[in-house]
C-alpha atoms as a PDB file:
ATOM      1  CA  MET A   1     105.309  99.091  88.047  1.00  0.00           C
ATOM      2  CA  LYS A   2     106.175  97.395  91.353  1.00  0.00           C
ATOM      3  CA  ILE A   3     106.822  99.376  94.531  1.00  0.00           C
ATOM      4  CA  PHE A   4     108.467  97.932  97.666  1.00  0.00           C
ATOM      5  CA  LEU A   5     107.032  99.350 100.916  1.00  0.00           C
ATOM      6  CA  LEU A   6     108.380  98.873 104.461  1.00  0.00           C
ATOM      7  CA  GLU A   7     106.161 100.455 107.139  1.00  0.00           C
ATOM      8  CA  ASP A   8     105.134  98.974 110.501  1.00  0.00           C
ATOM      9  CA  ASN A   9     102.195 101.326 111.163  1.00  0.00           C
ATOM     10  CA  PRO A  10      99.160  99.427 109.782  1.00  0.00           C
ATOM     11  CA  LYS A  11      97.064 102.554 109.182  1.00  0.00           C
ATOM     12  CA  LEU A  12      99.802 104.362 107.283  1.00  0.00           C
ATOM     13  CA  ARG A  13     100.874 101.234 105.400  1.00  0.00           C
ATOM     14  CA  GLU A  14      97.321 100.609 104.170  1.00  0.00           C
ATOM     15  CA  ALA A  15      96.856 104.267 103.209  1.00  0.00           C
ATOM     16  CA  ILE A  16     100.070 104.286 101.157  1.00  0.00           C
ATOM     17  CA  GLU A  17      99.146 100.980  99.510  1.00  0.00           C
ATOM     18  CA  GLU A  18      95.729 102.328  98.563  1.00  0.00           C
ATOM     19  CA  THR A  19      97.084 105.612  97.176  1.00  0.00           C
ATOM     20  CA  LEU A  20      99.744 103.935  95.050  1.00  0.00           C
ATOM     21  CA  SER A  21      97.432 101.158  93.849  1.00  0.00           C
ATOM     22  CA  GLU A  22      94.811 103.692  92.778  1.00  0.00           C
ATOM     23  CA  ASN A  23      97.471 105.320  90.609  1.00  0.00           C
ATOM     24  CA  GLY A  24      98.522 102.210  88.740  1.00  0.00           C
ATOM     25  CA  TYR A  25     101.337 100.858  90.904  1.00  0.00           C
ATOM     26  CA  ARG A  26     101.605  97.339  92.321  1.00  0.00           C
ATOM     27  CA  VAL A  27     102.684  97.422  95.966  1.00  0.00           C
ATOM     28  CA  ASP A  28     104.468  94.702  97.932  1.00  0.00           C
ATOM     29  CA  SER A  29     104.303  95.798 101.581  1.00  0.00           C
ATOM     30  CA  PHE A  30     106.068  94.558 104.712  1.00  0.00           C
ATOM     31  CA  GLU A  31     105.877  95.454 108.392  1.00  0.00           C
ATOM     32  CA  ASP A  32     109.327  94.399 109.621  1.00  0.00           C
ATOM     33  CA  GLY A  33     112.822  94.593 108.189  1.00  0.00           C
ATOM     34  CA  GLN A  34     113.611  90.874 108.283  1.00  0.00           C
ATOM     35  CA  GLU A  35     110.506  90.001 106.289  1.00  0.00           C
ATOM     36  CA  ALA A  36     111.351  92.779 103.840  1.00  0.00           C
ATOM     37  CA  LEU A  37     114.937  91.526 103.471  1.00  0.00           C
ATOM     38  CA  GLU A  38     113.706  88.046 102.576  1.00  0.00           C
ATOM     39  CA  HIS A  39     111.742  89.510  99.660  1.00  0.00           C
ATOM     40  CA  LEU A  40     114.491  91.641  98.102  1.00  0.00           C
ATOM     41  CA  ASP A  41     114.736  90.285  94.568  1.00  0.00           C
ATOM     42  CA  GLY A  42     115.522  93.321  92.402  1.00  0.00           C
ATOM     43  CA  SER A  43     112.123  93.355  90.710  1.00  0.00           C
ATOM     44  CA  HIS A  44     110.915  96.629  92.227  1.00  0.00           C
ATOM     45  CA  LEU A  45     111.172 100.012  90.534  1.00  0.00           C
ATOM     46  CA  LEU A  46     111.165 101.991  93.795  1.00  0.00           C
ATOM     47  CA  TYR A  47     111.617 101.320  97.522  1.00  0.00           C
ATOM     48  CA  ILE A  48     109.775 103.250 100.269  1.00  0.00           C
ATOM     49  CA  LEU A  49     111.254 102.557 103.709  1.00  0.00           C
ATOM     50  CA  ASP A  50     110.452 103.624 107.249  1.00  0.00           C
ATOM     51  CA  ILE A  51     113.504 103.786 109.525  1.00  0.00           C
ATOM     52  CA  HIS A  52     112.164 102.654 112.890  1.00  0.00           C
ATOM     53  CA  VAL A  53     110.751  99.171 112.177  1.00  0.00           C
ATOM     54  CA  PRO A  54     111.204  95.822 113.995  1.00  0.00           C
ATOM     55  CA  ARG A  55     114.171  93.444 113.562  1.00  0.00           C
ATOM     56  CA  ILE A  56     116.128  95.219 110.795  1.00  0.00           C
ATOM     57  CA  ASP A  57     115.779  98.995 110.588  1.00  0.00           C
ATOM     58  CA  GLY A  58     115.200 100.915 107.388  1.00  0.00           C
ATOM     59  CA  LEU A  59     118.703 102.422 107.211  1.00  0.00           C
ATOM     60  CA  GLU A  60     120.321  98.986 107.324  1.00  0.00           C
ATOM     61  CA  LEU A  61     117.932  97.757 104.656  1.00  0.00           C
ATOM     62  CA  LEU A  62     118.697 100.858 102.577  1.00  0.00           C
ATOM     63  CA  ALA A  63     122.397  99.985 102.605  1.00  0.00           C
ATOM     64  CA  LEU A  64     121.612  96.420 101.539  1.00  0.00           C
ATOM     65  CA  ILE A  65     119.367  97.605  98.694  1.00  0.00           C
ATOM     66  CA  GLN A  66     121.996 100.000  97.385  1.00  0.00           C
ATOM     67  CA  GLY A  67     124.585  97.232  97.586  1.00  0.00           C
ATOM     68  CA  ARG A  68     122.464  94.796  95.582  1.00  0.00           C
ATOM     69  CA  PHE A  69     120.418  97.037  93.287  1.00  0.00           C
ATOM     70  CA  ILE A  70     122.471 100.200  93.007  1.00  0.00           C
ATOM     71  CA  LYS A  71     120.185 101.899  90.466  1.00  0.00           C
ATOM     72  CA  ALA A  72     116.982 101.487  92.462  1.00  0.00           C
ATOM     73  CA  PRO A  73     115.761 104.774  94.036  1.00  0.00           C
ATOM     74  CA  VAL A  74     114.738 104.766  97.698  1.00  0.00           C
ATOM     75  CA  ILE A  75     112.417 107.134  99.580  1.00  0.00           C
ATOM     76  CA  ILE A  76     112.873 107.223 103.357  1.00  0.00           C
ATOM     77  CA  ILE A  77     109.773 108.080 105.410  1.00  0.00           C
ATOM     78  CA  SER A  78     110.372 108.769 109.093  1.00  0.00           C
ATOM     79  CA  SER A  79     109.388 110.824 112.118  1.00  0.00           C
ATOM     80  CA  PHE A  80     113.104 111.266 112.927  1.00  0.00           C
ATOM     81  CA  VAL A  81     114.200 114.909 112.793  1.00  0.00           C
ATOM     82  CA  ASP A  82     117.796 114.330 113.863  1.00  0.00           C
ATOM     83  CA  LEU A  83     120.016 115.841 111.186  1.00  0.00           C
ATOM     84  CA  ASP A  84     122.587 113.065 111.653  1.00  0.00           C
ATOM     85  CA  VAL A  85     119.937 110.438 110.852  1.00  0.00           C
ATOM     86  CA  ILE A  86     118.859 112.331 107.735  1.00  0.00           C
ATOM     87  CA  ARG A  87     122.491 112.776 106.694  1.00  0.00           C
ATOM     88  CA  GLN A  88     123.103 109.067 107.215  1.00  0.00           C
ATOM     89  CA  ALA A  89     120.105 108.198 105.020  1.00  0.00           C
ATOM     90  CA  TYR A  90     121.427 110.301 102.149  1.00  0.00           C
ATOM     91  CA  ARG A  91     124.938 108.952 102.678  1.00  0.00           C
ATOM     92  CA  HIS A  92     123.557 105.430 102.267  1.00  0.00           C
ATOM     93  CA  GLY A  93     122.004 106.506  98.952  1.00  0.00           C
ATOM     94  CA  CYS A  94     118.376 107.472  99.558  1.00  0.00           C
ATOM     95  CA  ALA A  95     116.897 109.562  96.742  1.00  0.00           C
ATOM     96  CA  ASP A  96     114.430 111.490  98.917  1.00  0.00           C
ATOM     97  CA  PHE A  97     113.368 111.903 102.549  1.00  0.00           C
ATOM     98  CA  LEU A  98     109.818 112.521 103.806  1.00  0.00           C
ATOM     99  CA  LYS A  99     109.208 113.519 107.405  1.00  0.00           C
ATOM    100  CA  LYS A 100     106.044 112.204 109.058  1.00  0.00           C
ATOM    101  CA  PRO A 101     103.322 113.361 109.019  1.00  0.00           C
ATOM    102  CA  PHE A 102     103.147 114.024 105.278  1.00  0.00           C
ATOM    103  CA  PHE A 103     100.559 114.413 102.559  1.00  0.00           C
ATOM    104  CA  LEU A 104      99.951 111.223 100.609  1.00  0.00           C
ATOM    105  CA  ASP A 105      99.839 113.313  97.446  1.00  0.00           C
ATOM    106  CA  GLU A 106     103.387 114.479  98.205  1.00  0.00           C
ATOM    107  CA  LEU A 107     104.571 110.875  98.414  1.00  0.00           C
ATOM    108  CA  LEU A 108     102.694 110.119  95.193  1.00  0.00           C
ATOM    109  CA  PHE A 109     104.379 113.048  93.418  1.00  0.00           C
ATOM    110  CA  LYS A 110     107.812 111.882  94.539  1.00  0.00           C
ATOM    111  CA  THR A 111     106.945 108.364  93.403  1.00  0.00           C
ATOM    112  CA  HIS A 112     105.884 109.644  89.975  1.00  0.00           C
ATOM    113  CA  ARG A 113     109.095 111.673  89.718  1.00  0.00           C
ATOM    114  CA  LEU A 114     111.438 108.849  90.679  1.00  0.00           C
ATOM    115  CA  CYS A 115     109.585 106.378  88.448  1.00  0.00           C
ATOM    116  CA  GLY A 116     109.752 108.819  85.529  1.00  0.00           C
ATOM    117  CA  LYS A 117     106.040 109.607  85.740  1.00  0.00           C
ATOM    118  CA  LEU A 118     105.538 113.257  86.676  1.00  0.00           C
ATOM    119  CA  HIS A 119     102.127 113.136  85.013  1.00  0.00           C
ATOM    120  CA  PRO A 120      99.285 111.438  86.908  1.00  0.00           C
ATOM    121  CA  LEU A 121      97.584 108.240  85.830  1.00  0.00           C
ATOM    122  CA  ILE A 122      93.831 108.650  85.343  1.00  0.00           C
ATOM    123  CA  PRO A 123      91.687 105.885  86.879  1.00  0.00           C
ATOM    124  CA  LEU A 124      89.127 104.326  84.527  1.00  0.00           C
ATOM    125  CA  GLY A 125      87.802 101.633  86.874  1.00  0.00           C
ATOM    126  CA  GLU A 126      88.522  97.913  87.376  1.00  0.00           C
ATOM    127  CA  GLU A 127      92.310  98.296  87.824  1.00  0.00           C
ATOM    128  CA  THR A 128      92.530 100.299  84.597  1.00  0.00           C
ATOM    129  CA  PHE A 129      94.415 103.580  84.173  1.00  0.00           C
ATOM    130  CA  LEU A 130      94.976 106.060  81.368  1.00  0.00           C
ATOM    131  CA  ASP A 131      98.505 107.371  80.802  1.00  0.00           C
ATOM    132  CA  LEU A 132      97.746 110.276  78.475  1.00  0.00           C
ATOM    133  CA  GLU A 133     101.329 111.443  78.075  1.00  0.00           C
ATOM    134  CA  ASN A 134     102.453 108.092  76.690  1.00  0.00           C
ATOM    135  CA  ALA A 135      99.111 107.195  75.037  1.00  0.00           C
ATOM    136  CA  LEU A 136      98.775 103.991  77.056  1.00  0.00           C
ATOM    137  CA  ILE A 137      96.050 102.086  78.836  1.00  0.00           C
ATOM    138  CA  LEU A 138      97.433 100.237  81.874  1.00  0.00           C
ATOM    139  CA  ARG A 139      95.141  97.337  82.700  1.00  0.00           C
ATOM    140  CA  GLU A 140      95.824  94.439  85.045  1.00  0.00           C
ATOM    141  CA  GLY A 141      99.584  94.611  84.477  1.00  0.00           C
ATOM    142  CA  GLN A 142      99.348  95.081  80.694  1.00  0.00           C
ATOM    143  CA  SER A 143     100.153  98.187  78.634  1.00  0.00           C
ATOM    144  CA  LEU A 144      97.833  98.795  75.673  1.00  0.00           C
ATOM    145  CA  LEU A 145      98.862 101.404  73.117  1.00  0.00           C
ATOM    146  CA  LEU A 146      96.277 103.955  71.980  1.00  0.00           C
ATOM    147  CA  SER A 147      96.147 105.241  68.429  1.00  0.00           C
ATOM    148  CA  PRO A 148      96.438 109.054  68.103  1.00  0.00           C
ATOM    149  CA  LYS A 149      92.676 109.382  67.546  1.00  0.00           C
ATOM    150  CA  GLU A 150      91.833 107.007  70.416  1.00  0.00           C
ATOM    151  CA  LYS A 151      94.016 109.124  72.678  1.00  0.00           C
ATOM    152  CA  ARG A 152      92.295 112.360  71.628  1.00  0.00           C
ATOM    153  CA  LEU A 153      88.841 110.850  72.096  1.00  0.00           C
ATOM    154  CA  LEU A 154      89.634 109.613  75.611  1.00  0.00           C
ATOM    155  CA  GLU A 155      91.270 112.942  76.424  1.00  0.00           C
ATOM    156  CA  LEU A 156      88.078 114.742  75.384  1.00  0.00           C
ATOM    157  CA  LEU A 157      85.882 112.439  77.481  1.00  0.00           C
ATOM    158  CA  VAL A 158      88.168 112.862  80.502  1.00  0.00           C
ATOM    159  CA  ARG A 159      88.163 116.653  80.195  1.00  0.00           C
ATOM    160  CA  ALA A 160      84.363 116.634  80.107  1.00  0.00           C
ATOM    161  CA  ARG A 161      84.463 115.097  83.630  1.00  0.00           C
ATOM    162  CA  GLY A 162      81.244 113.139  83.365  1.00  0.00           C
ATOM    163  CA  LEU A 163      79.355 115.504  81.072  1.00  0.00           C
ATOM    164  CA  LEU A 164      77.785 114.350  77.820  1.00  0.00           C
ATOM    165  CA  VAL A 165      80.026 114.840  74.768  1.00  0.00           C
ATOM    166  CA  SER A 166      78.145 115.118  71.482  1.00  0.00           C
ATOM    167  CA  PHE A 167      79.025 113.485  68.173  1.00  0.00           C
ATOM    168  CA  GLU A 168      79.711 116.975  66.806  1.00  0.00           C
ATOM    169  CA  GLU A 169      82.166 117.784  69.609  1.00  0.00           C
ATOM    170  CA  ILE A 170      83.957 114.484  69.084  1.00  0.00           C
ATOM    171  CA  GLU A 171      84.144 115.059  65.348  1.00  0.00           C
ATOM    172  CA  GLU A 172      85.581 118.548  65.792  1.00  0.00           C
ATOM    173  CA  TYR A 173      88.142 117.547  68.437  1.00  0.00           C
ATOM    174  CA  VAL A 174      89.288 114.173  67.134  1.00  0.00           C
ATOM    175  CA  TRP A 175      88.852 114.525  63.364  1.00  0.00           C
ATOM    176  CA  GLU A 176      90.251 117.987  62.781  1.00  0.00           C
ATOM    177  CA  GLU A 177      90.279 117.446  59.034  1.00  0.00           C
ATOM    178  CA  GLY A 178      86.492 117.729  58.757  1.00  0.00           C
ATOM    179  CA  GLU A 179      83.206 115.826  58.827  1.00  0.00           C
ATOM    180  CA  VAL A 180      83.297 112.038  59.257  1.00  0.00           C
ATOM    181  CA  PRO A 181      80.562 109.378  59.253  1.00  0.00           C
ATOM    182  CA  ARG A 182      79.164 108.663  62.713  1.00  0.00           C
ATOM    183  CA  GLU A 183      79.934 104.999  62.168  1.00  0.00           C
ATOM    184  CA  ASN A 184      83.640 105.932  62.362  1.00  0.00           C
ATOM    185  CA  ILE A 185      83.055 107.346  65.849  1.00  0.00           C
ATOM    186  CA  ARG A 186      80.997 104.318  66.900  1.00  0.00           C
ATOM    187  CA  SER A 187      83.728 102.017  65.615  1.00  0.00           C
ATOM    188  CA  MET A 188      86.362 103.832  67.655  1.00  0.00           C
ATOM    189  CA  ILE A 189      84.191 103.628  70.779  1.00  0.00           C
ATOM    190  CA  ARG A 190      83.912  99.873  70.219  1.00  0.00           C
ATOM    191  CA  GLN A 191      87.704  99.639  69.992  1.00  0.00           C
ATOM    192  CA  LEU A 192      88.140 101.649  73.198  1.00  0.00           C
ATOM    193  CA  ARG A 193      85.702  99.390  75.029  1.00  0.00           C
ATOM    194  CA  LEU A 194      88.043  96.493  74.287  1.00  0.00           C
ATOM    195  CA  LYS A 195      90.846  98.336  76.095  1.00  0.00           C
ATOM    196  CA  ILE A 196      89.003  99.851  79.073  1.00  0.00           C
ATOM    197  CA  PRO A 197      86.013  98.638  81.112  1.00  0.00           C
ATOM    198  CA  ALA A 198      83.127  98.784  78.632  1.00  0.00           C
ATOM    199  CA  SER A 199      80.801 100.272  81.239  1.00  0.00           C
ATOM    200  CA  SER A 200      83.076 103.309  81.648  1.00  0.00           C
ATOM    201  CA  ILE A 201      81.742 104.800  78.408  1.00  0.00           C
ATOM    202  CA  GLN A 202      78.001 105.391  78.468  1.00  0.00           C
ATOM    203  CA  THR A 203      76.099 105.718  75.182  1.00  0.00           C
ATOM    204  CA  HIS A 204      73.410 108.358  74.687  1.00  0.00           C
ATOM    205  CA  LYS A 205      71.764 107.082  71.528  1.00  0.00           C
ATOM    206  CA  GLY A 206      71.864 109.548  68.666  1.00  0.00           C
ATOM    207  CA  ILE A 207      73.563 112.208  70.813  1.00  0.00           C
ATOM    208  CA  GLY A 208      77.005 111.132  72.011  1.00  0.00           C
ATOM    209  CA  TYR A 209      78.918 109.573  74.898  1.00  0.00           C
ATOM    210  CA  ARG A 210      79.770 110.129  78.539  1.00  0.00           C
ATOM    211  CA  LEU A 211      82.684 108.878  80.642  1.00  0.00           C
ATOM    212  CA  ILE A 212      81.171 107.799  83.956  1.00  0.00           C
ATOM    213  CA  VAL A 213      84.209 106.986  86.132  1.00  0.00           C
ATOM    214  CA  ASP A 214      85.058 109.059  89.219  1.00  0.00           C
ATOM    215  CA  LEU A 215      87.864 111.479  88.318  1.00  0.00           C
ATOM    216  CA  SER A 216      87.779 113.483  91.542  1.00  0.00           C
ATOM    217  CA  SER A 217      90.695 113.551  93.951  1.00  0.00           C
ATOM    218  CA  ALA A 218      91.786 115.534  96.999  1.00  0.00           C
ATOM    219  CA  PRO A 219      95.030 115.721  99.004  1.00  0.00           C
ATOM    220  CA  THR A 220      94.961 113.594 102.154  1.00  0.00           C
ATOM    221  CA  ALA A 221      97.271 114.030 105.159  1.00  0.00           C
ATOM    222  CA  ILE A 222      98.137 111.174 107.492  1.00  0.00           C
ATOM    223  CA  ASP A 223     100.500 110.582 110.412  1.00  0.00           C
END
């Protein structure tokens, strides 16, 4: 999913890029309106625009985007508090307005909502993300479908948050119908390692498995 970002503050631009990239989005970012205009090609799912940027301001670019790509949602981010400016942004077709400073998690939530992804993507390392709701692995621009049992196994490992999950726990959670040979579990782990970074799943011989990616996150505020 490609996001178009116009922001002339380097610190904020880099922070937004990092937050969105960590959650499975590809970001094309620009620091002035003319440069941004030259890269409008209709390939982006969402546009995030600051108003006060060099050469062509965000409101003018918003009008151009809505004229060319009428279905594309736009989030305006700005330190402007003038009600007329905000009204003008909505009149030009912006889908949402965020006043600076804001929490990056708030922008991420709005991005998920406007992109149809209210659920978070779970990072699994090496540009790989788990979309549990849709049973997908997103890896380097590709979407890999998980089988129902693969989804349940990854869900169990994620919920354990780095703790060891035994063969018995996997059997009970994934194979609800009863006891299964351990080779079935090993085979499924092998299949998962073809879809996610193999090192993300650590084997504890004869005991079980552990997911060793960092699943922690915390809201971050930035001007």
